[in-house]
PDB file of N, CA and C in Angstrom:
ATOM      1  N   MET A   1      62.339  67.456 104.509  1.00  0.00           N
ATOM      2  CA  MET A   1      63.449  66.973 105.309  1.00  0.00           C
ATOM      3  C   MET A   1      63.477  67.741 106.633  1.00  0.00           C
ATOM      4  N   LEU A   2      63.570  67.019 107.719  1.00  0.00           N
ATOM      5  CA  LEU A   2      63.609  67.651 109.033  1.00  0.00           C
ATOM      6  C   LEU A   2      65.017  68.123 109.357  1.00  0.00           C
ATOM      7  N   ALA A   3      65.093  69.251 110.023  1.00  0.00           N
ATOM      8  CA  ALA A   3      66.390  69.787 110.440  1.00  0.00           C
ATOM      9  C   ALA A   3      66.914  68.979 111.620  1.00  0.00           C
ATOM     10  N   ASP A   4      68.215  68.963 111.767  1.00  0.00           N
ATOM     11  CA  ASP A   4      68.820  68.350 112.939  1.00  0.00           C
ATOM     12  C   ASP A   4      68.747  69.350 114.083  1.00  0.00           C
ATOM     13  N   TYR A   5      68.431  68.886 115.264  1.00  0.00           N
ATOM     14  CA  TYR A   5      68.326  69.757 116.422  1.00  0.00           C
ATOM     15  C   TYR A   5      69.353  69.352 117.463  1.00  0.00           C
ATOM     16  N   GLU A   6      69.776  70.311 118.245  1.00  0.00           N
ATOM     17  CA  GLU A   6      70.721  70.068 119.320  1.00  0.00           C
ATOM     18  C   GLU A   6      70.187  70.720 120.580  1.00  0.00           C
ATOM     19  N   MET A   7      70.246  70.001 121.677  1.00  0.00           N
ATOM     20  CA  MET A   7      69.802  70.528 122.960  1.00  0.00           C
ATOM     21  C   MET A   7      70.890  71.432 123.516  1.00  0.00           C
ATOM     22  N   MET A   8      70.479  72.542 124.157  1.00  0.00           N
ATOM     23  CA  MET A   8      71.452  73.424 124.770  1.00  0.00           C
ATOM     24  C   MET A   8      70.912  73.891 126.113  1.00  0.00           C
ATOM     25  N   THR A   9      71.802  74.140 127.037  1.00  0.00           N
ATOM     26  CA  THR A   9      71.428  74.588 128.370  1.00  0.00           C
ATOM     27  C   THR A   9      72.052  75.944 128.621  1.00  0.00           C
ATOM     28  N   VAL A  10      71.236  76.888 129.088  1.00  0.00           N
ATOM     29  CA  VAL A  10      71.728  78.228 129.397  1.00  0.00           C
ATOM     30  C   VAL A  10      71.210  78.643 130.774  1.00  0.00           C
ATOM     31  N   THR A  11      71.912  79.554 131.401  1.00  0.00           N
ATOM     32  CA  THR A  11      71.487  80.100 132.678  1.00  0.00           C
ATOM     33  C   THR A  11      70.980  81.520 132.433  1.00  0.00           C
ATOM     34  N   ILE A  12      69.719  81.764 132.802  1.00  0.00           N
ATOM     35  CA  ILE A  12      69.080  83.051 132.549  1.00  0.00           C
ATOM     36  C   ILE A  12      68.403  83.512 133.836  1.00  0.00           C
ATOM     37  N   ASP A  13      68.479  84.815 134.092  1.00  0.00           N
ATOM     38  CA  ASP A  13      67.798  85.401 135.232  1.00  0.00           C
ATOM     39  C   ASP A  13      66.315  85.006 135.192  1.00  0.00           C
ATOM     40  N   GLU A  14      65.804  84.515 136.312  1.00  0.00           N
ATOM     41  CA  GLU A  14      64.430  84.006 136.388  1.00  0.00           C
ATOM     42  C   GLU A  14      63.395  85.078 136.034  1.00  0.00           C
ATOM     43  N   ASN A  15      63.579  86.297 136.540  1.00  0.00           N
ATOM     44  CA  ASN A  15      62.624  87.376 136.258  1.00  0.00           C
ATOM     45  C   ASN A  15      62.664  87.785 134.792  1.00  0.00           C
ATOM     46  N   LEU A  16      63.846  87.827 134.225  1.00  0.00           N
ATOM     47  CA  LEU A  16      64.001  88.163 132.812  1.00  0.00           C
ATOM     48  C   LEU A  16      63.294  87.125 131.946  1.00  0.00           C
ATOM     49  N   LYS A  17      63.525  85.859 132.248  1.00  0.00           N
ATOM     50  CA  LYS A  17      62.915  84.771 131.482  1.00  0.00           C
ATOM     51  C   LYS A  17      61.395  84.842 131.562  1.00  0.00           C
ATOM     52  N   SER A  18      60.853  85.048 132.752  1.00  0.00           N
ATOM     53  CA  SER A  18      59.399  85.123 132.921  1.00  0.00           C
ATOM     54  C   SER A  18      58.805  86.279 132.137  1.00  0.00           C
ATOM     55  N   ALA A  19      59.451  87.439 132.194  1.00  0.00           N
ATOM     56  CA  ALA A  19      58.961  88.610 131.468  1.00  0.00           C
ATOM     57  C   ALA A  19      58.966  88.365 129.963  1.00  0.00           C
ATOM     58  N   VAL A  20      60.041  87.758 129.468  1.00  0.00           N
ATOM     59  CA  VAL A  20      60.144  87.468 128.032  1.00  0.00           C
ATOM     60  C   VAL A  20      59.098  86.446 127.624  1.00  0.00           C
ATOM     61  N   GLU A  21      58.913  85.394 128.416  1.00  0.00           N
ATOM     62  CA  GLU A  21      57.918  84.375 128.080  1.00  0.00           C
ATOM     63  C   GLU A  21      56.505  84.963 128.031  1.00  0.00           C
ATOM     64  N   GLU A  22      56.204  85.901 128.921  1.00  0.00           N
ATOM     65  CA  GLU A  22      54.887  86.537 128.921  1.00  0.00           C
ATOM     66  C   GLU A  22      54.665  87.326 127.634  1.00  0.00           C
ATOM     67  N   ILE A  23      55.671  88.069 127.222  1.00  0.00           N
ATOM     68  CA  ILE A  23      55.575  88.841 125.975  1.00  0.00           C
ATOM     69  C   ILE A  23      55.432  87.908 124.778  1.00  0.00           C
ATOM     70  N   LEU A  24      56.263  86.885 124.733  1.00  0.00           N
ATOM     71  CA  LEU A  24      56.213  85.953 123.602  1.00  0.00           C
ATOM     72  C   LEU A  24      54.875  85.234 123.537  1.00  0.00           C
ATOM     73  N   GLN A  25      54.341  84.834 124.692  1.00  0.00           N
ATOM     74  CA  GLN A  25      53.056  84.146 124.724  1.00  0.00           C
ATOM     75  C   GLN A  25      51.959  85.030 124.142  1.00  0.00           C
ATOM     76  N   SER A  26      52.013  86.334 124.425  1.00  0.00           N
ATOM     77  CA  SER A  26      51.001  87.252 123.886  1.00  0.00           C
ATOM     78  C   SER A  26      51.091  87.350 122.371  1.00  0.00           C
ATOM     79  N   GLN A  27      52.233  86.951 121.818  1.00  0.00           N
ATOM     80  CA  GLN A  27      52.423  86.959 120.370  1.00  0.00           C
ATOM     81  C   GLN A  27      52.297  85.567 119.758  1.00  0.00           C
ATOM     82  N   GLY A  28      51.856  84.608 120.572  1.00  0.00           N
ATOM     83  CA  GLY A  28      51.665  83.249 120.088  1.00  0.00           C
ATOM     84  C   GLY A  28      52.965  82.511 119.820  1.00  0.00           C
ATOM     85  N   MET A  29      54.005  82.864 120.546  1.00  0.00           N
ATOM     86  CA  MET A  29      55.330  82.282 120.325  1.00  0.00           C
ATOM     87  C   MET A  29      55.887  81.775 121.650  1.00  0.00           C
ATOM     88  N   ASN A  30      56.750  80.775 121.572  1.00  0.00           N
ATOM     89  CA  ASN A  30      57.412  80.295 122.784  1.00  0.00           C
ATOM     90  C   ASN A  30      58.894  80.670 122.748  1.00  0.00           C
ATOM     91  N   LEU A  31      59.563  80.435 123.860  1.00  0.00           N
ATOM     92  CA  LEU A  31      60.968  80.809 123.994  1.00  0.00           C
ATOM     93  C   LEU A  31      61.849  80.065 122.988  1.00  0.00           C
ATOM     94  N   GLU A  32      61.571  78.800 122.764  1.00  0.00           N
ATOM     95  CA  GLU A  32      62.362  78.008 121.813  1.00  0.00           C
ATOM     96  C   GLU A  32      62.306  78.607 120.407  1.00  0.00           C
ATOM     97  N   LYS A  33      61.100  78.960 119.957  1.00  0.00           N
ATOM     98  CA  LYS A  33      60.946  79.551 118.623  1.00  0.00           C
ATOM     99  C   LYS A  33      61.651  80.909 118.546  1.00  0.00           C
ATOM    100  N   ALA A  34      61.527  81.718 119.608  1.00  0.00           N
ATOM    101  CA  ALA A  34      62.167  83.039 119.626  1.00  0.00           C
ATOM    102  C   ALA A  34      63.686  82.920 119.554  1.00  0.00           C
ATOM    103  N   ILE A  35      64.250  81.967 120.260  1.00  0.00           N
ATOM    104  CA  ILE A  35      65.704  81.776 120.231  1.00  0.00           C
ATOM    105  C   ILE A  35      66.141  81.329 118.841  1.00  0.00           C
ATOM    106  N   ASN A  36      65.386  80.430 118.225  1.00  0.00           N
ATOM    107  CA  ASN A  36      65.717  80.006 116.860  1.00  0.00           C
ATOM    108  C   ASN A  36      65.646  81.177 115.883  1.00  0.00           C
ATOM    109  N   LEU A  37      64.632  82.040 116.032  1.00  0.00           N
ATOM    110  CA  LEU A  37      64.529  83.227 115.174  1.00  0.00           C
ATOM    111  C   LEU A  37      65.725  84.153 115.387  1.00  0.00           C
ATOM    112  N   TYR A  38      66.128  84.327 116.644  1.00  0.00           N
ATOM    113  CA  TYR A  38      67.275  85.185 116.954  1.00  0.00           C
ATOM    114  C   TYR A  38      68.542  84.625 116.321  1.00  0.00           C
ATOM    115  N   PHE A  39      68.759  83.344 116.419  1.00  0.00           N
ATOM    116  CA  PHE A  39      69.935  82.723 115.800  1.00  0.00           C
ATOM    117  C   PHE A  39      69.908  82.904 114.279  1.00  0.00           C
ATOM    118  N   GLU A  40      68.726  82.740 113.666  1.00  0.00           N
ATOM    119  CA  GLU A  40      68.608  82.946 112.220  1.00  0.00           C
ATOM    120  C   GLU A  40      68.939  84.381 111.850  1.00  0.00           C
ATOM    121  N   GLU A  41      68.507  85.343 112.678  1.00  0.00           N
ATOM    122  CA  GLU A  41      68.797  86.756 112.423  1.00  0.00           C
ATOM    123  C   GLU A  41      70.295  87.030 112.527  1.00  0.00           C
ATOM    124  N   ILE A  42      70.977  86.405 113.466  1.00  0.00           N
ATOM    125  CA  ILE A  42      72.435  86.559 113.575  1.00  0.00           C
ATOM    126  C   ILE A  42      73.106  86.086 112.288  1.00  0.00           C
ATOM    127  N   ILE A  43      72.638  84.974 111.751  1.00  0.00           N
ATOM    128  CA  ILE A  43      73.191  84.466 110.490  1.00  0.00           C
ATOM    129  C   ILE A  43      72.895  85.440 109.353  1.00  0.00           C
ATOM    130  N   ASN A  44      71.641  85.882 109.239  1.00  0.00           N
ATOM    131  CA  ASN A  44      71.259  86.785 108.145  1.00  0.00           C
ATOM    132  C   ASN A  44      71.994  88.117 108.209  1.00  0.00           C
ATOM    133  N   ALA A  45      72.169  88.652 109.419  1.00  0.00           N
ATOM    134  CA  ALA A  45      72.839  89.943 109.581  1.00  0.00           C
ATOM    135  C   ALA A  45      74.358  89.788 109.659  1.00  0.00           C
ATOM    136  N   ARG A  46      74.805  88.560 109.737  1.00  0.00           N
ATOM    137  CA  ARG A  46      76.234  88.252 109.912  1.00  0.00           C
ATOM    138  C   ARG A  46      76.778  88.934 111.167  1.00  0.00           C
ATOM    139  N   GLY A  47      75.943  88.936 112.205  1.00  0.00           N
ATOM    140  CA  GLY A  47      76.299  89.518 113.491  1.00  0.00           C
ATOM    141  C   GLY A  47      75.038  89.861 114.262  1.00  0.00           C
ATOM    142  N   ILE A  48      75.212  90.457 115.405  1.00  0.00           N
ATOM    143  CA  ILE A  48      74.069  90.903 116.198  1.00  0.00           C
ATOM    144  C   ILE A  48      73.514  92.156 115.533  1.00  0.00           C
ATOM    145  N   SER A  49      72.201  92.189 115.333  1.00  0.00           N
ATOM    146  CA  SER A  49      71.599  93.248 114.535  1.00  0.00           C
ATOM    147  C   SER A  49      71.229  94.494 115.350  1.00  0.00           C
ATOM    148  N   PHE A  50      71.813  94.657 116.498  1.00  0.00           N
ATOM    149  CA  PHE A  50      71.652  95.872 117.283  1.00  0.00           C
ATOM    150  C   PHE A  50      72.980  96.170 117.958  1.00  0.00           C
ATOM    151  N   ASP A  51      73.174  97.426 118.328  1.00  0.00           N
ATOM    152  CA  ASP A  51      74.435  97.823 118.954  1.00  0.00           C
ATOM    153  C   ASP A  51      74.539  97.257 120.368  1.00  0.00           C
ATOM    154  N   VAL A  52      75.687  96.704 120.665  1.00  0.00           N
ATOM    155  CA  VAL A  52      75.989  96.238 122.013  1.00  0.00           C
ATOM    156  C   VAL A  52      77.071  97.177 122.531  1.00  0.00           C
ATOM    157  N   VAL A  53      76.690  98.055 123.461  1.00  0.00           N
ATOM    158  CA  VAL A  53      77.605  99.075 123.945  1.00  0.00           C
ATOM    159  C   VAL A  53      77.598  99.120 125.468  1.00  0.00           C
ATOM    160  N   LEU A  54      78.659  99.646 126.017  1.00  0.00           N
ATOM    161  CA  LEU A  54      78.730  99.838 127.465  1.00  0.00           C
ATOM    162  C   LEU A  54      77.925 101.083 127.840  1.00  0.00           C
ATOM    163  N   PRO A  55      77.311 101.077 129.009  1.00  0.00           N
ATOM    164  CA  PRO A  55      76.586 102.275 129.440  1.00  0.00           C
ATOM    165  C   PRO A  55      77.582 103.413 129.704  1.00  0.00           C
ATOM    166  N   PRO A  56      77.101 104.661 129.644  1.00  0.00           N
ATOM    167  CA  PRO A  56      78.003 105.792 129.909  1.00  0.00           C
ATOM    168  C   PRO A  56      78.580 105.713 131.322  1.00  0.00           C
ATOM    169  N   ILE A  57      79.767 106.192 131.476  1.00  0.00           N
ATOM    170  CA  ILE A  57      80.413 106.228 132.785  1.00  0.00           C
ATOM    171  C   ILE A  57      79.895 107.453 133.539  1.00  0.00           C
ATOM    172  N   ALA A  58      79.367 107.214 134.746  1.00  0.00           N
ATOM    173  CA  ALA A  58      78.868 108.330 135.563  1.00  0.00           C
ATOM    174  C   ALA A  58      80.055 109.144 136.071  1.00  0.00           C
ATOM    175  N   GLU A  59      79.919 110.460 136.013  1.00  0.00           N
ATOM    176  CA  GLU A  59      81.004 111.333 136.474  1.00  0.00           C
ATOM    177  C   GLU A  59      80.711 111.899 137.831  1.00  0.00           C
TER     178      GLU A  59
END
């Protein structure tokens, strides 16, 4: 059985996207597959699986 898919549009920094695509390509993966894996990881971890924190305040 095929999964249902939904199209989504996001705005991403051009340089960031290019750098990520280059890394993913070296691993035989595309951006679409990587995003799907990330979403699956959010479900499995029941949240983002790394700390999201503010940078230290410079004194």
